């Protein structure tokens, strides 16, 4: 039943995962749905999202856990796995957390907290495997990885192709090779030219001695 709910959320978000749709997809009788989930749809969605979030944490742990592999290679591998998984699932499903987040209404505060905790947990897990010494850089780059994955799902569904994942992974791999990732706010361009003070030219001229006029 949870598996059917997860698929529905990935396909249609919160609006497409009602009890009727769940019964039709899972084949379970309505009575058993309320027997196991007395809280109805909200309980099913909450438990499904937590399960989905946990799967992602394990994926990130496997993808980044081997520090002997260069970070660019780990990034490319993660996004290629995501691309293959997306296409293998029919190229028509998003991330359950992302899909539900986009469907949230102002009154859905409990589900919003579940989604927010999921994204935060992913960022913290990824950040724990990043190589930079300061926590702010590790966390900001981890957030960029999550942003890239969620954005790739949107473009991939529109294009019915996993290419968005591989593109995002390749660019993140390049960015990770920087000593100070752009996300820290460090400047990577050449230093600005030094500004001359108004008196500099006059002082240099005066050192060369007075000019003499030709007769």
N, C-alpha and C. Protein backbone atom coordinates (compact mmCIF):
# COMPACT_ATOMS: atom_id res chain seq x y z
N UNK A 1 0.82 -1.21 0.00
CA UNK A 1 0.00 0.00 0.00
C UNK A 1 0.86 1.27 0.00
N UNK A 2 1.91 1.26 0.82
CA UNK A 2 2.83 2.40 0.86
C UNK A 2 3.53 2.55 -0.48
N UNK A 3 3.90 1.43 -1.07
CA UNK A 3 4.57 1.48 -2.37
C UNK A 3 3.66 2.11 -3.42
N UNK A 4 2.39 1.73 -3.39
CA UNK A 4 1.43 2.32 -4.34
C UNK A 4 1.27 3.81 -4.08
N UNK A 5 1.24 4.20 -2.81
CA UNK A 5 1.12 5.62 -2.47
C UNK A 5 2.35 6.39 -2.95
N UNK A 6 3.52 5.81 -2.80
CA UNK A 6 4.74 6.47 -3.24
C UNK A 6 4.72 6.72 -4.75
N UNK A 7 4.28 5.72 -5.50
CA UNK A 7 4.20 5.88 -6.95
C UNK A 7 3.20 6.96 -7.34
N UNK A 8 2.06 6.98 -6.67
CA UNK A 8 1.05 8.00 -6.96
C UNK A 8 1.58 9.40 -6.66
N UNK A 9 2.28 9.55 -5.55
CA UNK A 9 2.83 10.86 -5.20
C UNK A 9 3.87 11.30 -6.22
N UNK A 10 4.67 10.38 -6.68
CA UNK A 10 5.69 10.71 -7.68
C UNK A 10 5.08 11.07 -9.02
N UNK A 11 3.94 10.47 -9.32
CA UNK A 11 3.29 10.73 -10.60
C UNK A 11 2.44 12.00 -10.58
N UNK A 12 1.65 12.17 -9.52
CA UNK A 12 0.63 13.21 -9.54
C UNK A 12 0.64 14.13 -8.33
N UNK A 13 1.59 13.96 -7.43
CA UNK A 13 1.64 14.82 -6.26
C UNK A 13 0.53 14.50 -5.27
N UNK A 14 0.30 15.42 -4.37
CA UNK A 14 -0.68 15.22 -3.30
C UNK A 14 -2.09 15.10 -3.86
N UNK A 15 -2.40 15.88 -4.87
CA UNK A 15 -3.77 15.88 -5.41
C UNK A 15 -4.14 14.57 -6.09
N UNK A 16 -3.16 13.79 -6.52
CA UNK A 16 -3.45 12.54 -7.22
C UNK A 16 -3.31 11.30 -6.37
N UNK A 17 -3.19 11.49 -5.05
CA UNK A 17 -2.99 10.35 -4.15
C UNK A 17 -4.11 10.25 -3.13
N UNK A 18 -5.33 10.30 -3.60
CA UNK A 18 -6.48 10.15 -2.71
C UNK A 18 -6.73 8.69 -2.38
N UNK A 19 -7.66 8.45 -1.48
CA UNK A 19 -7.98 7.08 -1.06
C UNK A 19 -8.47 6.25 -2.24
N UNK A 20 -9.34 6.81 -3.09
CA UNK A 20 -9.85 6.08 -4.24
C UNK A 20 -8.74 5.67 -5.20
N UNK A 21 -7.84 6.61 -5.45
CA UNK A 21 -6.72 6.28 -6.34
C UNK A 21 -5.81 5.22 -5.71
N UNK A 22 -5.61 5.32 -4.40
CA UNK A 22 -4.76 4.36 -3.71
C UNK A 22 -5.37 2.96 -3.75
N UNK A 23 -6.68 2.88 -3.54
CA UNK A 23 -7.36 1.58 -3.59
C UNK A 23 -7.25 0.98 -4.99
N UNK A 24 -7.47 1.82 -6.00
CA UNK A 24 -7.39 1.33 -7.37
C UNK A 24 -5.99 0.86 -7.73
N UNK A 25 -4.98 1.59 -7.25
CA UNK A 25 -3.59 1.24 -7.62
C UNK A 25 -3.09 0.02 -6.83
N UNK A 26 -3.42 -0.05 -5.55
CA UNK A 26 -2.89 -1.11 -4.70
C UNK A 26 -3.72 -2.39 -4.74
N UNK A 27 -5.00 -2.25 -5.07
CA UNK A 27 -5.89 -3.42 -5.06
C UNK A 27 -6.40 -3.77 -3.68
N UNK A 28 -6.05 -2.96 -2.67
CA UNK A 28 -6.50 -3.23 -1.30
C UNK A 28 -7.92 -2.72 -1.11
N UNK A 29 -8.73 -3.42 -0.32
CA UNK A 29 -10.09 -2.92 -0.04
C UNK A 29 -10.06 -1.65 0.81
N UNK A 30 -11.07 -0.85 0.67
CA UNK A 30 -11.12 0.42 1.40
C UNK A 30 -11.04 0.19 2.91
N UNK A 31 -11.69 -0.84 3.38
CA UNK A 31 -11.69 -1.11 4.81
C UNK A 31 -10.31 -1.34 5.37
N UNK A 32 -9.46 -2.03 4.62
CA UNK A 32 -8.10 -2.29 5.11
C UNK A 32 -7.26 -1.02 5.13
N UNK A 33 -7.56 -0.10 4.22
CA UNK A 33 -6.83 1.17 4.22
C UNK A 33 -7.05 1.89 5.55
N UNK A 34 -8.30 2.01 5.97
CA UNK A 34 -8.58 2.71 7.22
C UNK A 34 -8.22 1.88 8.45
N UNK A 35 -8.13 0.57 8.26
CA UNK A 35 -7.70 -0.28 9.38
C UNK A 35 -6.23 -0.02 9.71
N UNK A 36 -5.41 0.03 8.68
CA UNK A 36 -3.97 0.24 8.90
C UNK A 36 -3.61 1.71 9.02
N UNK A 37 -4.44 2.57 8.44
CA UNK A 37 -4.16 4.01 8.47
C UNK A 37 -5.42 4.75 8.93
N UNK A 38 -5.72 4.70 10.23
CA UNK A 38 -6.93 5.36 10.72
C UNK A 38 -6.94 6.87 10.48
N UNK A 39 -5.76 7.44 10.29
CA UNK A 39 -5.69 8.88 10.01
C UNK A 39 -5.99 9.22 8.57
N UNK A 40 -6.30 8.23 7.75
CA UNK A 40 -6.69 8.46 6.37
C UNK A 40 -5.54 8.92 5.48
N UNK A 41 -5.87 9.75 4.53
CA UNK A 41 -4.92 10.16 3.51
C UNK A 41 -3.69 10.83 4.10
N UNK A 42 -3.87 11.72 5.06
CA UNK A 42 -2.74 12.46 5.60
C UNK A 42 -1.73 11.53 6.29
N UNK A 43 -2.23 10.51 6.96
CA UNK A 43 -1.32 9.56 7.60
C UNK A 43 -0.56 8.75 6.56
N UNK A 44 -1.26 8.32 5.54
CA UNK A 44 -0.61 7.54 4.47
C UNK A 44 0.47 8.38 3.80
N UNK A 45 0.13 9.62 3.46
CA UNK A 45 1.10 10.49 2.78
C UNK A 45 2.30 10.76 3.67
N UNK A 46 2.05 11.04 4.94
CA UNK A 46 3.15 11.33 5.87
C UNK A 46 4.10 10.16 5.98
N UNK A 47 3.58 8.96 6.18
CA UNK A 47 4.44 7.78 6.31
C UNK A 47 5.16 7.47 5.00
N UNK A 48 4.48 7.70 3.90
CA UNK A 48 5.10 7.45 2.60
C UNK A 48 6.25 8.41 2.35
N UNK A 49 6.05 9.67 2.68
CA UNK A 49 7.11 10.66 2.48
C UNK A 49 8.33 10.35 3.35
N UNK A 50 8.10 9.93 4.57
CA UNK A 50 9.22 9.60 5.45
C UNK A 50 10.00 8.40 4.92
N UNK A 51 9.27 7.43 4.39
CA UNK A 51 9.94 6.27 3.79
C UNK A 51 10.74 6.69 2.56
N UNK A 52 10.14 7.50 1.72
CA UNK A 52 10.81 7.98 0.51
C UNK A 52 12.06 8.79 0.87
N UNK A 53 11.94 9.62 1.89
CA UNK A 53 13.07 10.43 2.34
C UNK A 53 14.21 9.55 2.84
N UNK A 54 13.86 8.50 3.58
CA UNK A 54 14.89 7.58 4.07
C UNK A 54 15.63 6.87 2.95
N UNK A 55 14.92 6.53 1.89
CA UNK A 55 15.57 5.91 0.73
C UNK A 55 16.61 6.84 0.13
N UNK A 56 16.26 8.12 0.05
CA UNK A 56 17.19 9.10 -0.51
C UNK A 56 18.43 9.24 0.36
N UNK A 57 18.26 9.23 1.68
CA UNK A 57 19.41 9.32 2.59
C UNK A 57 20.36 8.17 2.35
N UNK A 58 19.84 6.96 2.20
CA UNK A 58 20.69 5.79 1.94
C UNK A 58 21.39 5.92 0.59
N UNK A 59 20.69 6.48 -0.39
CA UNK A 59 21.30 6.69 -1.70
C UNK A 59 22.47 7.66 -1.60
N UNK A 60 22.29 8.75 -0.88
CA UNK A 60 23.37 9.73 -0.72
C UNK A 60 24.54 9.13 0.06
N UNK A 61 24.23 8.32 1.04
CA UNK A 61 25.29 7.70 1.84
C UNK A 61 26.14 6.77 0.98
N UNK A 62 25.49 6.02 0.11
CA UNK A 62 26.23 5.13 -0.79
C UNK A 62 27.01 5.93 -1.82
N UNK A 63 26.40 7.01 -2.32
CA UNK A 63 27.03 7.78 -3.40
C UNK A 63 28.27 8.53 -2.92
N UNK A 64 28.24 9.04 -1.69
CA UNK A 64 29.33 9.90 -1.22
C UNK A 64 30.19 9.26 -0.13
N UNK A 65 29.85 8.06 0.29
CA UNK A 65 30.51 7.48 1.45
C UNK A 65 31.97 7.10 1.26
N UNK A 66 32.37 6.81 0.02
CA UNK A 66 33.76 6.38 -0.22
C UNK A 66 34.62 7.60 -0.53
N UNK A 67 35.33 8.09 0.49
CA UNK A 67 36.13 9.30 0.32
C UNK A 67 37.36 9.08 -0.54
N UNK A 68 37.70 7.82 -0.82
CA UNK A 68 38.86 7.56 -1.68
C UNK A 68 38.56 7.87 -3.14
N UNK A 69 37.28 7.97 -3.49
CA UNK A 69 36.88 8.33 -4.85
C UNK A 69 36.79 9.85 -4.93
N UNK A 70 37.43 10.46 -5.93
CA UNK A 70 37.37 11.93 -6.04
C UNK A 70 35.92 12.42 -6.08
N UNK A 71 35.69 13.56 -5.44
CA UNK A 71 34.34 14.10 -5.36
C UNK A 71 33.70 14.32 -6.74
N UNK A 72 34.43 14.84 -7.74
CA UNK A 72 33.80 14.99 -9.06
C UNK A 72 33.26 13.67 -9.61
N UNK A 73 34.00 12.58 -9.38
CA UNK A 73 33.54 11.27 -9.87
C UNK A 73 32.30 10.81 -9.12
N UNK A 74 32.26 11.08 -7.82
CA UNK A 74 31.08 10.69 -7.04
C UNK A 74 29.85 11.48 -7.48
N UNK A 75 30.04 12.76 -7.79
CA UNK A 75 28.92 13.57 -8.24
C UNK A 75 28.39 13.09 -9.59
N UNK A 76 29.29 12.85 -10.52
CA UNK A 76 28.84 12.38 -11.83
C UNK A 76 28.12 11.05 -11.70
N UNK A 77 28.64 10.17 -10.86
CA UNK A 77 28.01 8.85 -10.70
C UNK A 77 26.61 8.97 -10.10
N UNK A 78 26.45 9.83 -9.09
CA UNK A 78 25.14 10.01 -8.47
C UNK A 78 24.11 10.48 -9.48
N UNK A 79 24.46 11.48 -10.27
CA UNK A 79 23.49 12.04 -11.20
C UNK A 79 23.23 11.10 -12.38
N UNK A 80 24.19 10.27 -12.72
CA UNK A 80 23.95 9.27 -13.76
C UNK A 80 23.03 8.16 -13.25
N UNK A 81 23.20 7.80 -11.99
CA UNK A 81 22.27 6.83 -11.39
C UNK A 81 20.86 7.41 -11.37
N UNK A 82 20.74 8.68 -11.03
CA UNK A 82 19.43 9.33 -11.02
C UNK A 82 18.82 9.35 -12.41
N UNK A 83 19.64 9.63 -13.42
CA UNK A 83 19.14 9.66 -14.80
C UNK A 83 18.64 8.28 -15.24
N UNK A 84 19.41 7.26 -14.93
CA UNK A 84 19.01 5.90 -15.32
C UNK A 84 17.75 5.47 -14.58
N UNK A 85 17.69 5.80 -13.28
CA UNK A 85 16.49 5.45 -12.52
C UNK A 85 15.26 6.16 -13.02
N UNK A 86 15.41 7.42 -13.38
CA UNK A 86 14.30 8.19 -13.91
C UNK A 86 13.77 7.56 -15.19
N UNK A 87 14.65 7.23 -16.10
CA UNK A 87 14.23 6.67 -17.38
C UNK A 87 13.69 5.25 -17.21
N UNK A 88 14.29 4.48 -16.31
CA UNK A 88 13.82 3.11 -16.09
C UNK A 88 12.41 3.09 -15.50
N UNK A 89 12.05 4.14 -14.76
CA UNK A 89 10.72 4.22 -14.14
C UNK A 89 9.67 4.78 -15.09
N UNK A 90 10.06 5.03 -16.33
CA UNK A 90 9.10 5.51 -17.33
C UNK A 90 9.28 6.96 -17.72
N UNK A 91 10.26 7.64 -17.15
CA UNK A 91 10.56 9.04 -17.46
C UNK A 91 9.35 9.95 -17.24
N UNK A 92 8.53 9.60 -16.26
CA UNK A 92 7.33 10.40 -16.00
C UNK A 92 7.06 10.59 -14.51
N UNK A 93 8.07 10.34 -13.68
CA UNK A 93 7.87 10.44 -12.23
C UNK A 93 8.89 11.39 -11.62
N UNK A 94 8.45 12.17 -10.65
CA UNK A 94 9.33 13.09 -9.97
C UNK A 94 9.75 12.56 -8.62
N UNK A 95 10.31 13.43 -7.82
CA UNK A 95 10.62 13.12 -6.43
C UNK A 95 9.35 13.31 -5.61
N UNK A 96 8.99 12.33 -4.79
CA UNK A 96 7.75 12.42 -4.02
C UNK A 96 7.74 13.64 -3.11
N UNK A 97 8.88 13.94 -2.49
CA UNK A 97 8.95 15.11 -1.61
C UNK A 97 8.72 16.39 -2.40
N UNK A 98 9.39 16.50 -3.55
CA UNK A 98 9.23 17.69 -4.37
C UNK A 98 7.82 17.85 -4.91
N UNK A 99 7.23 16.73 -5.36
CA UNK A 99 5.89 16.80 -5.92
C UNK A 99 4.87 17.23 -4.88
N UNK A 100 4.98 16.69 -3.68
CA UNK A 100 4.05 17.07 -2.62
C UNK A 100 4.26 18.52 -2.20
N UNK A 101 5.52 18.93 -2.11
CA UNK A 101 5.82 20.31 -1.72
C UNK A 101 5.13 21.31 -2.66
N UNK A 102 5.15 21.02 -3.94
CA UNK A 102 4.53 21.92 -4.91
C UNK A 102 3.00 21.95 -4.79
N UNK A 103 2.41 20.93 -4.17
CA UNK A 103 0.96 20.85 -4.02
C UNK A 103 0.46 21.41 -2.69
N UNK A 104 1.37 21.77 -1.80
CA UNK A 104 0.96 22.17 -0.46
C UNK A 104 0.12 23.45 -0.47
N UNK A 105 -0.89 23.44 0.38
CA UNK A 105 -1.68 24.64 0.61
C UNK A 105 -1.20 25.28 1.92
N UNK A 106 -1.67 26.48 2.18
CA UNK A 106 -1.24 27.17 3.40
C UNK A 106 -1.63 26.41 4.66
N UNK A 107 -2.71 25.64 4.58
CA UNK A 107 -3.19 24.91 5.75
C UNK A 107 -2.49 23.57 5.97
N UNK A 108 -1.64 23.15 5.03
CA UNK A 108 -0.97 21.85 5.13
C UNK A 108 0.33 21.94 5.91
N UNK A 109 0.27 22.51 7.10
CA UNK A 109 1.50 22.78 7.84
C UNK A 109 2.22 21.51 8.27
N UNK A 110 1.48 20.47 8.66
CA UNK A 110 2.14 19.24 9.11
C UNK A 110 2.92 18.59 7.97
N UNK A 111 2.34 18.56 6.78
CA UNK A 111 3.06 17.99 5.63
C UNK A 111 4.22 18.88 5.21
N UNK A 112 4.04 20.19 5.34
CA UNK A 112 5.14 21.10 5.01
C UNK A 112 6.34 20.80 5.91
N UNK A 113 6.09 20.56 7.17
CA UNK A 113 7.18 20.25 8.09
C UNK A 113 7.88 18.94 7.72
N UNK A 114 7.09 17.96 7.27
CA UNK A 114 7.68 16.69 6.84
C UNK A 114 8.59 16.92 5.63
N UNK A 115 8.12 17.68 4.68
CA UNK A 115 8.92 17.97 3.47
C UNK A 115 10.18 18.77 3.83
N UNK A 116 10.02 19.77 4.67
CA UNK A 116 11.16 20.58 5.07
C UNK A 116 12.20 19.75 5.81
N UNK A 117 11.74 18.87 6.70
CA UNK A 117 12.67 18.00 7.44
C UNK A 117 13.38 17.05 6.50
N UNK A 118 12.69 16.60 5.46
CA UNK A 118 13.32 15.70 4.49
C UNK A 118 14.44 16.40 3.74
N UNK A 119 14.15 17.58 3.19
CA UNK A 119 15.18 18.32 2.47
C UNK A 119 16.36 18.65 3.39
N UNK A 120 16.07 19.08 4.60
CA UNK A 120 17.14 19.41 5.55
C UNK A 120 17.99 18.19 5.87
N UNK A 121 17.34 17.05 6.04
CA UNK A 121 18.08 15.82 6.32
C UNK A 121 18.97 15.42 5.17
N UNK A 122 18.51 15.62 3.95
CA UNK A 122 19.34 15.31 2.79
C UNK A 122 20.57 16.22 2.74
N UNK A 123 20.33 17.49 2.99
CA UNK A 123 21.45 18.44 2.97
C UNK A 123 22.49 18.07 4.03
N UNK A 124 22.03 17.75 5.22
CA UNK A 124 22.97 17.42 6.29
C UNK A 124 23.74 16.14 5.98
N UNK A 125 23.06 15.15 5.41
CA UNK A 125 23.75 13.90 5.06
C UNK A 125 24.82 14.15 4.00
N UNK A 126 24.48 14.87 2.96
CA UNK A 126 25.45 15.15 1.90
C UNK A 126 26.59 16.00 2.44
N UNK A 127 26.26 17.01 3.24
CA UNK A 127 27.30 17.91 3.77
C UNK A 127 28.33 17.15 4.59
N UNK A 128 27.91 16.10 5.26
CA UNK A 128 28.85 15.34 6.10
C UNK A 128 29.93 14.63 5.28
N UNK A 129 29.73 14.54 3.97
CA UNK A 129 30.71 13.88 3.10
C UNK A 129 31.50 14.86 2.24
N UNK A 130 31.24 16.15 2.37
CA UNK A 130 31.94 17.13 1.56
C UNK A 130 33.34 17.40 2.14
N UNK A 131 34.31 17.76 1.30
CA UNK A 131 35.71 17.82 1.75
C UNK A 131 36.17 19.14 2.34
N UNK A 132 35.38 20.20 2.25
CA UNK A 132 35.87 21.51 2.67
C UNK A 132 35.88 21.64 4.18
N UNK A 133 36.81 22.42 4.72
CA UNK A 133 36.97 22.47 6.18
C UNK A 133 35.86 23.20 6.93
N UNK A 134 35.24 24.19 6.30
CA UNK A 134 34.24 24.95 7.06
C UNK A 134 32.83 24.43 6.78
N UNK A 135 32.03 24.40 7.82
CA UNK A 135 30.69 23.82 7.75
C UNK A 135 29.78 24.58 6.78
N UNK A 136 29.95 25.91 6.70
CA UNK A 136 29.09 26.71 5.83
C UNK A 136 29.27 26.33 4.37
N UNK A 137 30.51 26.10 3.96
CA UNK A 137 30.76 25.72 2.58
C UNK A 137 30.22 24.32 2.29
N UNK A 138 30.44 23.41 3.22
CA UNK A 138 29.94 22.04 3.02
C UNK A 138 28.42 22.04 2.89
N UNK A 139 27.77 22.80 3.74
CA UNK A 139 26.31 22.80 3.72
C UNK A 139 25.76 23.50 2.47
N UNK A 140 26.37 24.60 2.08
CA UNK A 140 25.86 25.32 0.92
C UNK A 140 26.04 24.51 -0.36
N UNK A 141 27.16 23.78 -0.45
CA UNK A 141 27.36 22.94 -1.65
C UNK A 141 26.39 21.76 -1.62
N UNK A 142 26.15 21.20 -0.45
CA UNK A 142 25.18 20.11 -0.33
C UNK A 142 23.79 20.59 -0.75
N UNK A 143 23.44 21.80 -0.34
CA UNK A 143 22.15 22.35 -0.74
C UNK A 143 22.07 22.51 -2.26
N UNK A 144 23.19 22.90 -2.87
CA UNK A 144 23.21 23.03 -4.33
C UNK A 144 22.97 21.68 -5.01
N UNK A 145 23.48 20.61 -4.42
CA UNK A 145 23.25 19.27 -4.98
C UNK A 145 21.77 18.93 -4.93
N UNK A 146 21.13 19.19 -3.79
CA UNK A 146 19.69 18.91 -3.67
C UNK A 146 18.90 19.78 -4.65
N UNK A 147 19.27 21.06 -4.75
CA UNK A 147 18.60 21.94 -5.71
C UNK A 147 18.73 21.41 -7.13
N UNK A 148 19.93 20.95 -7.48
CA UNK A 148 20.16 20.43 -8.83
C UNK A 148 19.33 19.18 -9.10
N UNK A 149 19.23 18.30 -8.13
CA UNK A 149 18.43 17.08 -8.30
C UNK A 149 16.96 17.41 -8.49
N UNK A 150 16.43 18.29 -7.63
CA UNK A 150 15.01 18.63 -7.73
C UNK A 150 14.71 19.36 -9.04
N UNK A 151 15.59 20.26 -9.43
CA UNK A 151 15.39 20.95 -10.70
C UNK A 151 15.50 20.02 -11.88
N UNK A 152 16.41 19.04 -11.80
CA UNK A 152 16.57 18.09 -12.89
C UNK A 152 15.30 17.25 -13.08
N UNK A 153 14.62 16.92 -11.98
CA UNK A 153 13.37 16.18 -12.11
C UNK A 153 12.35 16.96 -12.94
N UNK A 154 12.29 18.26 -12.73
CA UNK A 154 11.30 19.08 -13.46
C UNK A 154 11.62 19.08 -14.95
N UNK A 155 12.88 19.38 -15.29
CA UNK A 155 13.26 19.43 -16.70
C UNK A 155 13.20 18.05 -17.35
N UNK A 156 13.56 17.03 -16.58
CA UNK A 156 13.55 15.67 -17.14
C UNK A 156 12.12 15.21 -17.46
N UNK A 157 11.18 15.55 -16.60
CA UNK A 157 9.80 15.17 -16.88
C UNK A 157 9.27 15.92 -18.10
N UNK A 158 9.62 17.19 -18.20
CA UNK A 158 9.17 17.96 -19.36
C UNK A 158 9.77 17.42 -20.65
N UNK A 159 11.03 17.05 -20.61
CA UNK A 159 11.70 16.55 -21.80
C UNK A 159 11.62 15.05 -21.99
N UNK A 160 11.03 14.34 -21.02
CA UNK A 160 10.90 12.89 -21.07
C UNK A 160 12.26 12.23 -21.31
N UNK A 161 13.27 12.75 -20.60
CA UNK A 161 14.64 12.26 -20.78
C UNK A 161 15.44 12.58 -19.53
N UNK A 162 16.42 11.71 -19.24
CA UNK A 162 17.27 11.91 -18.08
C UNK A 162 18.46 12.82 -18.32
N UNK A 163 18.52 13.47 -19.48
CA UNK A 163 19.68 14.30 -19.80
C UNK A 163 19.91 15.44 -18.81
N UNK A 164 18.85 15.96 -18.23
CA UNK A 164 19.00 17.06 -17.28
C UNK A 164 19.83 16.64 -16.08
N UNK A 165 19.71 15.40 -15.67
CA UNK A 165 20.50 14.92 -14.53
C UNK A 165 21.99 14.86 -14.86
N UNK A 166 22.32 14.33 -16.03
CA UNK A 166 23.74 14.21 -16.38
C UNK A 166 24.36 15.59 -16.58
N UNK A 167 23.61 16.52 -17.15
CA UNK A 167 24.12 17.88 -17.33
C UNK A 167 24.39 18.52 -15.98
N UNK A 168 23.45 18.41 -15.06
CA UNK A 168 23.63 18.99 -13.73
C UNK A 168 24.82 18.35 -13.01
N UNK A 169 24.96 17.04 -13.12
CA UNK A 169 26.06 16.35 -12.47
C UNK A 169 27.41 16.76 -13.02
N UNK A 170 27.49 16.94 -14.33
CA UNK A 170 28.76 17.34 -14.94
C UNK A 170 29.18 18.73 -14.47
N UNK A 171 28.23 19.66 -14.40
CA UNK A 171 28.58 21.02 -13.97
C UNK A 171 28.93 21.07 -12.49
N UNK A 172 28.23 20.31 -11.67
CA UNK A 172 28.57 20.27 -10.25
C UNK A 172 29.95 19.65 -10.04
N UNK A 173 30.28 18.66 -10.86
CA UNK A 173 31.61 18.03 -10.76
C UNK A 173 32.70 19.06 -11.06
N UNK A 174 32.47 19.88 -12.06
CA UNK A 174 33.45 20.93 -12.38
C UNK A 174 33.56 21.94 -11.24
N UNK A 175 32.42 22.33 -10.73
CA UNK A 175 32.41 23.31 -9.65
C UNK A 175 33.11 22.78 -8.40
N UNK A 176 32.97 21.49 -8.14
CA UNK A 176 33.56 20.92 -6.93
C UNK A 176 35.08 20.91 -6.96
N UNK A 177 35.66 21.08 -8.14
CA UNK A 177 37.11 21.10 -8.25
C UNK A 177 37.71 22.43 -7.84
N UNK A 178 36.85 23.42 -7.62
CA UNK A 178 37.32 24.72 -7.17
C UNK A 178 37.70 24.64 -5.70
N UNK A 179 38.75 25.35 -5.32
CA UNK A 179 39.17 25.38 -3.91
C UNK A 179 38.10 26.02 -3.06
N UNK A 180 37.50 27.10 -3.56
CA UNK A 180 36.43 27.80 -2.86
C UNK A 180 35.21 27.83 -3.76
N UNK A 181 34.25 26.91 -3.57
CA UNK A 181 33.08 26.90 -4.44
C UNK A 181 32.39 28.27 -4.48
N UNK A 182 31.76 28.52 -5.61
CA UNK A 182 31.08 29.80 -5.80
C UNK A 182 30.05 30.04 -4.71
N UNK A 183 29.47 28.98 -4.17
CA UNK A 183 28.41 29.12 -3.18
C UNK A 183 28.88 29.78 -1.90
N UNK A 184 30.19 29.85 -1.67
CA UNK A 184 30.68 30.50 -0.45
C UNK A 184 30.74 32.00 -0.61
N UNK A 185 30.59 32.49 -1.85
CA UNK A 185 30.67 33.91 -2.09
C UNK A 185 32.08 34.38 -2.39
N UNK A 186 33.04 33.46 -2.48
CA UNK A 186 34.41 33.86 -2.79
C UNK A 186 34.50 34.32 -4.23
N UNK A 187 35.35 35.29 -4.49
CA UNK A 187 35.54 35.78 -5.85
C UNK A 187 36.64 34.98 -6.53
N UNK A 188 36.40 34.56 -7.79
CA UNK A 188 37.38 33.77 -8.53
C UNK A 188 38.02 34.55 -9.66
N UNK A 189 37.61 35.78 -9.86
CA UNK A 189 38.16 36.57 -10.95
C UNK A 189 39.48 37.19 -10.58
N UNK A 190 40.16 37.82 -11.55
CA UNK A 190 41.42 38.48 -11.24
C UNK A 190 41.20 39.65 -10.30
N UNK A 191 42.22 40.01 -9.52
CA UNK A 191 42.04 41.12 -8.59
C UNK A 191 41.80 42.42 -9.35
N UNK A 192 41.00 43.32 -8.79
CA UNK A 192 40.73 44.58 -9.48
C UNK A 192 41.99 45.42 -9.59
N UNK A 193 42.12 46.23 -10.65
CA UNK A 193 43.32 47.06 -10.79
C UNK A 193 43.44 48.07 -9.66
N UNK A 194 44.66 48.33 -9.27
CA UNK A 194 44.89 49.29 -8.18
C UNK A 194 44.53 50.69 -8.65
N UNK A 195 43.87 51.46 -7.79
CA UNK A 195 43.49 52.82 -8.13
C UNK A 195 44.63 53.77 -7.76
N UNK A 196 45.01 54.62 -8.71
CA UNK A 196 46.07 55.59 -8.44
C UNK A 196 45.52 56.81 -7.75
N UNK A 197 46.26 57.28 -6.82
CA UNK A 197 45.87 58.53 -6.18
C UNK A 197 46.24 59.70 -7.07
N UNK A 198 45.50 60.78 -6.99
CA UNK A 198 45.73 61.90 -7.91
C UNK A 198 47.16 62.42 -7.90
N UNK A 199 47.87 62.34 -6.77
CA UNK A 199 49.21 62.90 -6.71
C UNK A 199 50.31 61.99 -7.19
N UNK A 200 49.96 60.69 -7.54
CA UNK A 200 51.01 59.73 -7.90
C UNK A 200 51.79 60.16 -9.12
N UNK A 201 51.10 60.61 -10.17
CA UNK A 201 51.78 60.96 -11.42
C UNK A 201 52.67 62.18 -11.21
N UNK A 202 52.19 63.17 -10.45
CA UNK A 202 52.99 64.37 -10.23
C UNK A 202 54.26 64.04 -9.47
N UNK A 203 54.16 63.11 -8.49
CA UNK A 203 55.35 62.78 -7.73
C UNK A 203 56.38 62.06 -8.58
N UNK A 204 55.90 61.17 -9.49
CA UNK A 204 56.86 60.47 -10.35
C UNK A 204 57.55 61.43 -11.30
N UNK A 205 56.79 62.40 -11.78
CA UNK A 205 57.41 63.37 -12.69
C UNK A 205 58.45 64.19 -11.96
N UNK A 206 58.16 64.57 -10.72
CA UNK A 206 59.08 65.44 -10.00
C UNK A 206 60.39 64.73 -9.70
N UNK A 207 60.39 63.39 -9.58
CA UNK A 207 61.63 62.68 -9.27
C UNK A 207 62.60 62.70 -10.45
N UNK A 208 62.07 62.86 -11.65
CA UNK A 208 62.95 62.82 -12.83
C UNK A 208 63.68 64.13 -13.04
N UNK A 209 63.40 65.12 -12.22
CA UNK A 209 64.10 66.40 -12.35
C UNK A 209 63.36 67.37 -13.22
N UNK A 210 63.67 68.63 -13.11
CA UNK A 210 62.96 69.65 -13.91
C UNK A 210 63.33 69.54 -15.38
N UNK A 211 62.34 69.82 -16.21
CA UNK A 211 62.60 69.83 -17.65
C UNK A 211 63.25 71.14 -18.04
N UNK A 212 64.19 71.10 -19.01
CA UNK A 212 64.86 72.33 -19.49
C UNK A 212 64.37 72.63 -20.90
N UNK A 213 64.18 73.88 -21.13
CA UNK A 213 63.74 74.30 -22.48
C UNK A 213 64.95 74.46 -23.39
N UNK A 214 64.73 74.08 -24.63
CA UNK A 214 65.80 74.29 -25.61
C UNK A 214 65.81 75.75 -26.01
N UNK A 215 67.01 76.27 -26.19
CA UNK A 215 67.16 77.67 -26.61
C UNK A 215 66.70 77.82 -28.05
